[in-house]
Amino acid sequence: MNFRLHLFELEDQPWFPHVLRQGMLDFLRFMINRLHAYEAAIPLLASLLRKTNTIHFTDLGSGAGGGIESIQKALSRQVGQPVQVTLSDLYPNLAAYTYLKEKSGGKIDFIPASVNATSVPESITGVRTIFSSFHHFSPKQAKAILQDAAEKKQIIGVFEGASKSWLELLVLWFGFPIAIFFITPFIRPFRFSRLFFTYLVPLIPLGIIWDGTVSLFRIYTPAMLQQMVASIQVPGYTWQTGKVGNRFGKYVIYVIGYPDETMVQE
């Protein structure tokens, strides 16, 4: 699937009901955590933390915090000490962030104010990350996010849990409806609205299938990312792009950037 279509996602629309958006994001968070979808990206991020001598990263465009819980735990095991995470978003999901903060015992925290990923305030520190949401941005916005990190000499790691393949699309269309039907009662925190809009009025499953399809079409391939970073001319800043993972459901497309002077020998 070596093309990109920037179609609209329902969860991006301001008119889209919050209860449906929340139900869709809760399912995404549950699946990412249970499947450990970002397992292949953990060594990349751990290497960045070790090389920069830090145990903190700030996530941009966090949405409902999908996958961050399992990522934080796996990353902490990889580096041998608890990693601190700060969630942020242009429209912070405070209910989801508070839930994750309480569940993690404070290891996952959040910024309650709006944070624009294309222009992150200098006061926000830590390795910058974006998980599962980079495809939401247009090419102009995506480049601005990377440009902002490079110009401010900040480290950034962007990760998309997919291979962008036709097989993934088929699994989404024919496998996810079954998964949604059986998994929904086990998603926490429990919400009656999630049951209602899954089983009685199945708007959440329809939204998941639509947005999942659009997401696959929107994801930037490693070649697209390489072309994007090649146009960012910031001296002393290094970019790496690629895809890691060795089996279906475990592939991760990534772009990593860091200022050369911040790196120390491992």
C-alpha atoms as a PDB file:
ATOM      1  CA  MET A   1       0.000   0.000   0.000  1.00  0.00           C
ATOM      2  CA  ASN A   2       2.478   2.602  -1.228  1.00  0.00           C
ATOM      3  CA  PHE A   3       0.082   5.528  -1.410  1.00  0.00           C
ATOM      4  CA  ARG A   4      -1.595   7.900   1.019  1.00  0.00           C
ATOM      5  CA  LEU A   5      -5.164   9.228   1.049  1.00  0.00           C
ATOM      6  CA  HIS A   6      -6.020  11.939   3.564  1.00  0.00           C
ATOM      7  CA  LEU A   7      -9.707  11.053   4.031  1.00  0.00           C
ATOM      8  CA  PHE A   8     -11.642  12.213   7.090  1.00  0.00           C
ATOM      9  CA  GLU A   9     -11.754  10.322  10.377  1.00  0.00           C
ATOM     10  CA  LEU A  10     -14.903  10.589  12.455  1.00  0.00           C
ATOM     11  CA  GLU A  11     -13.030  11.099  15.724  1.00  0.00           C
ATOM     12  CA  ASP A  12     -11.345  14.195  14.267  1.00  0.00           C
ATOM     13  CA  GLN A  13     -14.650  15.944  13.576  1.00  0.00           C
ATOM     14  CA  PRO A  14     -15.768  18.528  16.182  1.00  0.00           C
ATOM     15  CA  TRP A  15     -19.406  17.513  15.684  1.00  0.00           C
ATOM     16  CA  PHE A  16     -18.754  13.825  16.394  1.00  0.00           C
ATOM     17  CA  PRO A  17     -20.406  12.814  19.715  1.00  0.00           C
ATOM     18  CA  HIS A  18     -17.921  12.480  22.556  1.00  0.00           C
ATOM     19  CA  VAL A  19     -19.538   9.280  23.845  1.00  0.00           C
ATOM     20  CA  LEU A  20     -18.841   7.555  20.521  1.00  0.00           C
ATOM     21  CA  ARG A  21     -15.317   8.951  20.231  1.00  0.00           C
ATOM     22  CA  GLN A  22     -14.584   7.795  23.786  1.00  0.00           C
ATOM     23  CA  GLY A  23     -15.908   4.302  23.060  1.00  0.00           C
ATOM     24  CA  MET A  24     -13.758   4.003  19.950  1.00  0.00           C
ATOM     25  CA  LEU A  25     -10.617   5.246  21.715  1.00  0.00           C
ATOM     26  CA  ASP A  26     -11.230   2.937  24.693  1.00  0.00           C
ATOM     27  CA  PHE A  27     -11.322  -0.051  22.330  1.00  0.00           C
ATOM     28  CA  LEU A  28      -8.123   1.104  20.621  1.00  0.00           C
ATOM     29  CA  ARG A  29      -6.364   1.513  23.981  1.00  0.00           C
ATOM     30  CA  PHE A  30      -7.515  -1.956  25.102  1.00  0.00           C
ATOM     31  CA  MET A  31      -6.316  -3.645  21.907  1.00  0.00           C
ATOM     32  CA  ILE A  32      -2.923  -1.908  21.841  1.00  0.00           C
ATOM     33  CA  ASN A  33      -2.289  -2.836  25.468  1.00  0.00           C
ATOM     34  CA  ARG A  34      -3.395  -6.453  25.166  1.00  0.00           C
ATOM     35  CA  LEU A  35      -1.627  -7.115  21.875  1.00  0.00           C
ATOM     36  CA  HIS A  36       1.524  -5.209  22.892  1.00  0.00           C
ATOM     37  CA  ALA A  37       1.363  -3.610  19.459  1.00  0.00           C
ATOM     38  CA  TYR A  38       4.423  -1.424  20.084  1.00  0.00           C
ATOM     39  CA  GLU A  39       6.658  -4.185  21.398  1.00  0.00           C
ATOM     40  CA  ALA A  40       9.057  -3.843  18.440  1.00  0.00           C
ATOM     41  CA  ALA A  41       9.468  -0.105  19.087  1.00  0.00           C
ATOM     42  CA  ILE A  42      10.505  -0.454  22.737  1.00  0.00           C
ATOM     43  CA  PRO A  43      14.237  -1.094  22.008  1.00  0.00           C
ATOM     44  CA  LEU A  44      14.333   2.000  19.771  1.00  0.00           C
ATOM     45  CA  LEU A  45      12.835   4.230  22.440  1.00  0.00           C
ATOM     46  CA  ALA A  46      14.912   2.626  25.199  1.00  0.00           C
ATOM     47  CA  SER A  47      18.066   3.323  23.196  1.00  0.00           C
ATOM     48  CA  LEU A  48      17.064   6.973  22.872  1.00  0.00           C
ATOM     49  CA  LEU A  49      16.473   7.271  26.610  1.00  0.00           C
ATOM     50  CA  ARG A  50      19.793   5.619  27.453  1.00  0.00           C
ATOM     51  CA  LYS A  51      21.764   7.681  24.954  1.00  0.00           C
ATOM     52  CA  THR A  52      20.238  10.910  26.230  1.00  0.00           C
ATOM     53  CA  ASN A  53      20.558   9.869  29.877  1.00  0.00           C
ATOM     54  CA  THR A  54      16.881  10.403  30.729  1.00  0.00           C
ATOM     55  CA  ILE A  55      13.952   8.304  31.948  1.00  0.00           C
ATOM     56  CA  HIS A  56      11.139  10.653  30.925  1.00  0.00           C
ATOM     57  CA  PHE A  57       9.215  11.154  27.715  1.00  0.00           C
ATOM     58  CA  THR A  58       6.388  13.526  26.817  1.00  0.00           C
ATOM     59  CA  ASP A  59       3.752  12.117  24.501  1.00  0.00           C
ATOM     60  CA  LEU A  60       2.129  14.484  21.997  1.00  0.00           C
ATOM     61  CA  GLY A  61      -1.318  13.970  20.500  1.00  0.00           C
ATOM     62  CA  SER A  62      -2.077  11.387  23.185  1.00  0.00           C
ATOM     63  CA  GLY A  63      -5.797  11.107  22.443  1.00  0.00           C
ATOM     64  CA  ALA A  64      -7.140   8.762  25.125  1.00  0.00           C
ATOM     65  CA  GLY A  65      -3.645   7.504  25.988  1.00  0.00           C
ATOM     66  CA  GLY A  66      -4.011   4.353  23.911  1.00  0.00           C
ATOM     67  CA  GLY A  67      -1.167   1.915  24.523  1.00  0.00           C
ATOM     68  CA  ILE A  68       0.809   4.178  26.837  1.00  0.00           C
ATOM     69  CA  GLU A  69       0.238   1.952  29.854  1.00  0.00           C
ATOM     70  CA  SER A  70       1.817  -1.126  28.253  1.00  0.00           C
ATOM     71  CA  ILE A  71       4.538   0.984  26.619  1.00  0.00           C
ATOM     72  CA  GLN A  72       5.504   2.534  29.957  1.00  0.00           C
ATOM     73  CA  LYS A  73       5.736  -0.866  31.636  1.00  0.00           C
ATOM     74  CA  ALA A  74       7.703  -2.500  28.822  1.00  0.00           C
ATOM     75  CA  LEU A  75      10.046   0.468  28.555  1.00  0.00           C
ATOM     76  CA  SER A  76      10.673   0.468  32.306  1.00  0.00           C
ATOM     77  CA  ARG A  77      11.655  -3.221  32.133  1.00  0.00           C
ATOM     78  CA  GLN A  78      13.927  -2.510  29.174  1.00  0.00           C
ATOM     79  CA  VAL A  79      15.871   0.326  30.844  1.00  0.00           C
ATOM     80  CA  GLY A  80      15.833  -1.225  34.315  1.00  0.00           C
ATOM     81  CA  GLN A  81      14.053   1.581  36.168  1.00  0.00           C
ATOM     82  CA  PRO A  82      10.633   3.273  36.238  1.00  0.00           C
ATOM     83  CA  VAL A  83      10.071   5.536  33.236  1.00  0.00           C
ATOM     84  CA  GLN A  84       7.960   8.649  33.718  1.00  0.00           C
ATOM     85  CA  VAL A  85       5.442   9.589  31.021  1.00  0.00           C
ATOM     86  CA  THR A  86       3.639  12.890  30.503  1.00  0.00           C
ATOM     87  CA  LEU A  87       0.565  12.851  28.250  1.00  0.00           C
ATOM     88  CA  SER A  88      -0.545  15.890  26.251  1.00  0.00           C
ATOM     89  CA  ASP A  89      -2.955  16.807  23.494  1.00  0.00           C
ATOM     90  CA  LEU A  90      -4.466  19.788  21.704  1.00  0.00           C
ATOM     91  CA  TYR A  91      -7.745  18.680  23.300  1.00  0.00           C
ATOM     92  CA  PRO A  92      -6.693  16.814  26.473  1.00  0.00           C
ATOM     93  CA  ASN A  93      -8.858  13.845  27.450  1.00  0.00           C
ATOM     94  CA  LEU A  94      -8.701  14.605  31.169  1.00  0.00           C
ATOM     95  CA  ALA A  95     -10.946  11.713  32.245  1.00  0.00           C
ATOM     96  CA  ALA A  96      -8.781   9.130  30.467  1.00  0.00           C
ATOM     97  CA  TYR A  97      -5.538  10.759  31.655  1.00  0.00           C
ATOM     98  CA  THR A  98      -6.706  10.874  35.269  1.00  0.00           C
ATOM     99  CA  TYR A  99      -7.644   7.191  35.062  1.00  0.00           C
ATOM    100  CA  LEU A 100      -4.187   6.286  33.705  1.00  0.00           C
ATOM    101  CA  LYS A 101      -2.441   8.432  36.320  1.00  0.00           C
ATOM    102  CA  GLU A 102      -4.294   6.742  39.155  1.00  0.00           C
ATOM    103  CA  LYS A 103      -3.822   3.259  37.740  1.00  0.00           C
ATOM    104  CA  SER A 104      -0.080   3.789  37.195  1.00  0.00           C
ATOM    105  CA  GLY A 105       0.512   5.273  40.630  1.00  0.00           C
ATOM    106  CA  GLY A 106       1.619   8.573  39.113  1.00  0.00           C
ATOM    107  CA  LYS A 107       4.139   7.114  36.671  1.00  0.00           C
ATOM    108  CA  ILE A 108       1.862   8.373  33.901  1.00  0.00           C
ATOM    109  CA  ASP A 109       1.031  12.047  34.346  1.00  0.00           C
ATOM    110  CA  PHE A 110      -0.471  14.649  32.032  1.00  0.00           C
ATOM    111  CA  ILE A 111      -0.558  18.298  31.054  1.00  0.00           C
ATOM    112  CA  PRO A 112      -4.136  19.600  31.550  1.00  0.00           C
ATOM    113  CA  ALA A 113      -3.629  22.587  29.240  1.00  0.00           C
ATOM    114  CA  SER A 114      -3.816  22.375  25.445  1.00  0.00           C
ATOM    115  CA  VAL A 115      -0.503  21.498  23.748  1.00  0.00           C
ATOM    116  CA  ASN A 116      -0.023  22.063  20.018  1.00  0.00           C
ATOM    117  CA  ALA A 117       2.350  19.406  18.657  1.00  0.00           C
ATOM    118  CA  THR A 118       3.445  21.745  15.840  1.00  0.00           C
ATOM    119  CA  SER A 119       4.689  24.329  18.335  1.00  0.00           C
ATOM    120  CA  VAL A 120       5.544  22.759  21.680  1.00  0.00           C
ATOM    121  CA  PRO A 121       6.391  25.243  24.465  1.00  0.00           C
ATOM    122  CA  GLU A 122      10.042  25.301  25.542  1.00  0.00           C
ATOM    123  CA  SER A 123       8.940  24.556  29.120  1.00  0.00           C
ATOM    124  CA  ILE A 124       7.816  21.048  28.121  1.00  0.00           C
ATOM    125  CA  THR A 125      10.753  18.687  28.494  1.00  0.00           C
ATOM    126  CA  GLY A 126      11.538  15.032  27.931  1.00  0.00           C
ATOM    127  CA  VAL A 127      11.932  12.966  24.811  1.00  0.00           C
ATOM    128  CA  ARG A 128       8.959  13.730  22.561  1.00  0.00           C
ATOM    129  CA  THR A 129       6.888  10.816  21.283  1.00  0.00           C
ATOM    130  CA  ILE A 130       3.839  10.325  19.107  1.00  0.00           C
ATOM    131  CA  PHE A 131       2.100   6.940  19.144  1.00  0.00           C
ATOM    132  CA  SER A 132      -0.716   6.039  16.741  1.00  0.00           C
ATOM    133  CA  SER A 133      -1.675   9.627  15.905  1.00  0.00           C
ATOM    134  CA  PHE A 134       0.883  10.962  13.405  1.00  0.00           C
ATOM    135  CA  HIS A 135      -1.352   9.911  10.499  1.00  0.00           C
ATOM    136  CA  HIS A 136      -4.013  12.346  11.735  1.00  0.00           C
ATOM    137  CA  PHE A 137      -1.841  15.227  10.581  1.00  0.00           C
ATOM    138  CA  SER A 138      -1.649  16.496   7.018  1.00  0.00           C
ATOM    139  CA  PRO A 139       1.799  16.462   5.371  1.00  0.00           C
ATOM    140  CA  LYS A 140       2.196  20.170   6.171  1.00  0.00           C
ATOM    141  CA  GLN A 141       1.288  19.650   9.835  1.00  0.00           C
ATOM    142  CA  ALA A 142       3.372  16.472  10.133  1.00  0.00           C
ATOM    143  CA  LYS A 143       6.434  18.235   8.772  1.00  0.00           C
ATOM    144  CA  ALA A 144       5.806  21.156  11.160  1.00  0.00           C
ATOM    145  CA  ILE A 145       5.851  18.750  14.126  1.00  0.00           C
ATOM    146  CA  LEU A 146       9.213  17.322  13.076  1.00  0.00           C
ATOM    147  CA  GLN A 147      10.557  20.775  12.160  1.00  0.00           C
ATOM    148  CA  ASP A 148       9.609  22.143  15.590  1.00  0.00           C
ATOM    149  CA  ALA A 149      11.524  19.354  17.340  1.00  0.00           C
ATOM    150  CA  ALA A 150      14.581  19.817  15.140  1.00  0.00           C
ATOM    151  CA  GLU A 151      14.704  23.615  15.440  1.00  0.00           C
ATOM    152  CA  LYS A 152      14.312  23.443  19.237  1.00  0.00           C
ATOM    153  CA  LYS A 153      16.983  20.722  19.452  1.00  0.00           C
ATOM    154  CA  GLN A 154      14.563  18.233  21.004  1.00  0.00           C
ATOM    155  CA  ILE A 155      14.532  14.457  20.574  1.00  0.00           C
ATOM    156  CA  ILE A 156      11.431  12.994  18.936  1.00  0.00           C
ATOM    157  CA  GLY A 157      10.200   9.497  18.161  1.00  0.00           C
ATOM    158  CA  VAL A 158       7.107   8.939  16.024  1.00  0.00           C
ATOM    159  CA  PHE A 159       5.614   5.437  15.950  1.00  0.00           C
ATOM    160  CA  GLU A 160       2.676   3.966  14.034  1.00  0.00           C
ATOM    161  CA  GLY A 161       1.617   0.431  14.953  1.00  0.00           C
ATOM    162  CA  ALA A 162       0.990  -0.947  11.478  1.00  0.00           C
ATOM    163  CA  SER A 163       2.685  -2.215   8.348  1.00  0.00           C
ATOM    164  CA  LYS A 164       0.232  -0.397   6.029  1.00  0.00           C
ATOM    165  CA  SER A 165      -0.734  -3.552   4.161  1.00  0.00           C
ATOM    166  CA  TRP A 166      -3.806  -4.902   2.383  1.00  0.00           C
ATOM    167  CA  LEU A 167      -3.830  -7.875   4.774  1.00  0.00           C
ATOM    168  CA  GLU A 168      -4.279  -5.500   7.718  1.00  0.00           C
ATOM    169  CA  LEU A 169      -7.212  -3.943   5.910  1.00  0.00           C
ATOM    170  CA  LEU A 170      -8.871  -7.346   5.425  1.00  0.00           C
ATOM    171  CA  VAL A 171      -8.357  -8.236   9.100  1.00  0.00           C
ATOM    172  CA  LEU A 172      -9.882  -4.891  10.066  1.00  0.00           C
ATOM    173  CA  TRP A 173     -12.972  -5.437   7.900  1.00  0.00           C
ATOM    174  CA  PHE A 174     -13.629  -9.089   8.726  1.00  0.00           C
ATOM    175  CA  GLY A 175     -11.873  -9.753  12.048  1.00  0.00           C
ATOM    176  CA  PHE A 176     -12.493  -6.602  14.071  1.00  0.00           C
ATOM    177  CA  PRO A 177     -16.317  -6.842  14.087  1.00  0.00           C
ATOM    178  CA  ILE A 178     -15.999 -10.228  15.807  1.00  0.00           C
ATOM    179  CA  ALA A 179     -13.335  -8.945  18.206  1.00  0.00           C
ATOM    180  CA  ILE A 180     -15.419  -5.896  19.132  1.00  0.00           C
ATOM    181  CA  PHE A 181     -18.445  -8.093  19.867  1.00  0.00           C
ATOM    182  CA  PHE A 182     -16.568 -10.339  22.324  1.00  0.00           C
ATOM    183  CA  ILE A 183     -14.115  -7.844  23.861  1.00  0.00           C
ATOM    184  CA  THR A 184     -16.367  -4.855  24.645  1.00  0.00           C
ATOM    185  CA  PRO A 185     -17.686  -6.121  28.050  1.00  0.00           C
ATOM    186  CA  PHE A 186     -14.112  -6.439  29.347  1.00  0.00           C
ATOM    187  CA  ILE A 187     -12.966  -2.891  28.523  1.00  0.00           C
ATOM    188  CA  ARG A 188     -12.338  -0.700  31.555  1.00  0.00           C
ATOM    189  CA  PRO A 189     -13.432   1.677  32.898  1.00  0.00           C
ATOM    190  CA  PHE A 190     -16.871   0.133  32.417  1.00  0.00           C
ATOM    191  CA  ARG A 191     -19.472   2.304  30.661  1.00  0.00           C
ATOM    192  CA  PHE A 192     -23.122   1.431  29.930  1.00  0.00           C
ATOM    193  CA  SER A 193     -22.964   3.797  26.972  1.00  0.00           C
ATOM    194  CA  ARG A 194     -20.285   1.588  25.401  1.00  0.00           C
ATOM    195  CA  LEU A 195     -22.581  -1.433  25.583  1.00  0.00           C
ATOM    196  CA  PHE A 196     -25.540   0.522  24.215  1.00  0.00           C
ATOM    197  CA  PHE A 197     -23.645   1.911  21.223  1.00  0.00           C
ATOM    198  CA  THR A 198     -22.005  -1.445  20.502  1.00  0.00           C
ATOM    199  CA  TYR A 199     -24.831  -3.956  20.778  1.00  0.00           C
ATOM    200  CA  LEU A 200     -28.123  -2.048  20.518  1.00  0.00           C
ATOM    201  CA  VAL A 201     -27.113   0.811  18.224  1.00  0.00           C
ATOM    202  CA  PRO A 202     -23.735  -0.330  16.764  1.00  0.00           C
ATOM    203  CA  LEU A 203     -22.284   3.098  16.048  1.00  0.00           C
ATOM    204  CA  ILE A 204     -19.012   2.405  17.890  1.00  0.00           C
ATOM    205  CA  PRO A 205     -18.141  -0.690  15.762  1.00  0.00           C
ATOM    206  CA  LEU A 206     -19.023   1.193  12.567  1.00  0.00           C
ATOM    207  CA  GLY A 207     -16.877   4.129  13.693  1.00  0.00           C
ATOM    208  CA  ILE A 208     -13.943   1.836  14.524  1.00  0.00           C
ATOM    209  CA  ILE A 209     -14.076   0.140  11.114  1.00  0.00           C
ATOM    210  CA  TRP A 210     -14.369   3.440   9.235  1.00  0.00           C
ATOM    211  CA  ASP A 211     -11.631   5.253  11.151  1.00  0.00           C
ATOM    212  CA  GLY A 212      -9.401   2.175  11.077  1.00  0.00           C
ATOM    213  CA  THR A 213      -9.711   1.990   7.309  1.00  0.00           C
ATOM    214  CA  VAL A 214      -8.976   5.685   6.904  1.00  0.00           C
ATOM    215  CA  SER A 215      -6.030   5.414   9.309  1.00  0.00           C
ATOM    216  CA  LEU A 216      -4.389   2.742   7.155  1.00  0.00           C
ATOM    217  CA  PHE A 217      -4.813   4.916   4.076  1.00  0.00           C
ATOM    218  CA  ARG A 218      -3.420   7.927   5.964  1.00  0.00           C
ATOM    219  CA  ILE A 219      -0.317   6.314   7.499  1.00  0.00           C
ATOM    220  CA  TYR A 220       2.984   7.577   6.121  1.00  0.00           C
ATOM    221  CA  THR A 221       5.288   4.870   4.770  1.00  0.00           C
ATOM    222  CA  PRO A 222       8.998   4.886   5.696  1.00  0.00           C
ATOM    223  CA  ALA A 223       9.754   6.243   2.208  1.00  0.00           C
ATOM    224  CA  MET A 224       7.301   9.111   2.721  1.00  0.00           C
ATOM    225  CA  LEU A 225       8.823   9.877   6.102  1.00  0.00           C
ATOM    226  CA  GLN A 226      12.324   9.836   4.641  1.00  0.00           C
ATOM    227  CA  GLN A 227      11.264  12.286   1.968  1.00  0.00           C
ATOM    228  CA  MET A 228       9.669  14.494   4.616  1.00  0.00           C
ATOM    229  CA  VAL A 229      12.710  14.682   6.908  1.00  0.00           C
ATOM    230  CA  ALA A 230      15.030  15.208   3.937  1.00  0.00           C
ATOM    231  CA  SER A 231      13.319  18.570   3.421  1.00  0.00           C
ATOM    232  CA  ILE A 232      14.033  19.658   7.027  1.00  0.00           C
ATOM    233  CA  GLN A 233      17.398  21.390   6.849  1.00  0.00           C
ATOM    234  CA  VAL A 234      18.638  21.760  10.435  1.00  0.00           C
ATOM    235  CA  PRO A 235      22.422  21.383  10.901  1.00  0.00           C
ATOM    236  CA  GLY A 236      23.559  18.888  13.537  1.00  0.00           C
ATOM    237  CA  TYR A 237      20.260  17.029  13.630  1.00  0.00           C
ATOM    238  CA  THR A 238      19.985  13.355  12.657  1.00  0.00           C
ATOM    239  CA  TRP A 239      16.938  11.485  11.328  1.00  0.00           C
ATOM    240  CA  GLN A 240      16.239   7.760  11.121  1.00  0.00           C
ATOM    241  CA  THR A 241      13.195   6.197   9.455  1.00  0.00           C
ATOM    242  CA  GLY A 242      12.115   2.609   8.918  1.00  0.00           C
ATOM    243  CA  LYS A 243       9.901  -0.284   9.937  1.00  0.00           C
ATOM    244  CA  VAL A 244      10.541  -2.840  12.690  1.00  0.00           C
ATOM    245  CA  GLY A 245       8.760  -6.023  13.732  1.00  0.00           C
ATOM    246  CA  ASN A 246       8.795  -9.591  12.477  1.00  0.00           C
ATOM    247  CA  ARG A 247       5.189 -10.799  12.519  1.00  0.00           C
ATOM    248  CA  PHE A 248       1.662  -9.678  11.769  1.00  0.00           C
ATOM    249  CA  GLY A 249       0.220  -7.231  14.297  1.00  0.00           C
ATOM    250  CA  LYS A 250       3.683  -6.351  15.592  1.00  0.00           C
ATOM    251  CA  TYR A 251       5.004  -4.093  12.836  1.00  0.00           C
ATOM    252  CA  VAL A 252       5.837  -0.483  13.665  1.00  0.00           C
ATOM    253  CA  ILE A 253       6.664   2.300  11.204  1.00  0.00           C
ATOM    254  CA  TYR A 254       8.850   4.955  12.789  1.00  0.00           C
ATOM    255  CA  VAL A 255      10.817   8.167  12.405  1.00  0.00           C
ATOM    256  CA  ILE A 256      13.334   9.231  15.045  1.00  0.00           C
ATOM    257  CA  GLY A 257      15.151  12.536  15.256  1.00  0.00           C
ATOM    258  CA  TYR A 258      17.769  13.876  17.652  1.00  0.00           C
ATOM    259  CA  PRO A 259      20.343  16.682  17.903  1.00  0.00           C
ATOM    260  CA  ASP A 260      23.823  15.183  17.705  1.00  0.00           C
ATOM    261  CA  GLU A 261      25.195  17.073  20.719  1.00  0.00           C
ATOM    262  CA  THR A 262      22.624  15.526  23.100  1.00  0.00           C
ATOM    263  CA  MET A 263      23.779  11.992  22.483  1.00  0.00           C
ATOM    264  CA  VAL A 264      26.158  10.324  24.917  1.00  0.00           C
ATOM    265  CA  GLN A 265      27.945   7.008  24.636  1.00  0.00           C
ATOM    266  CA  GLU A 266      26.071   4.006  26.061  1.00  0.00           C
END
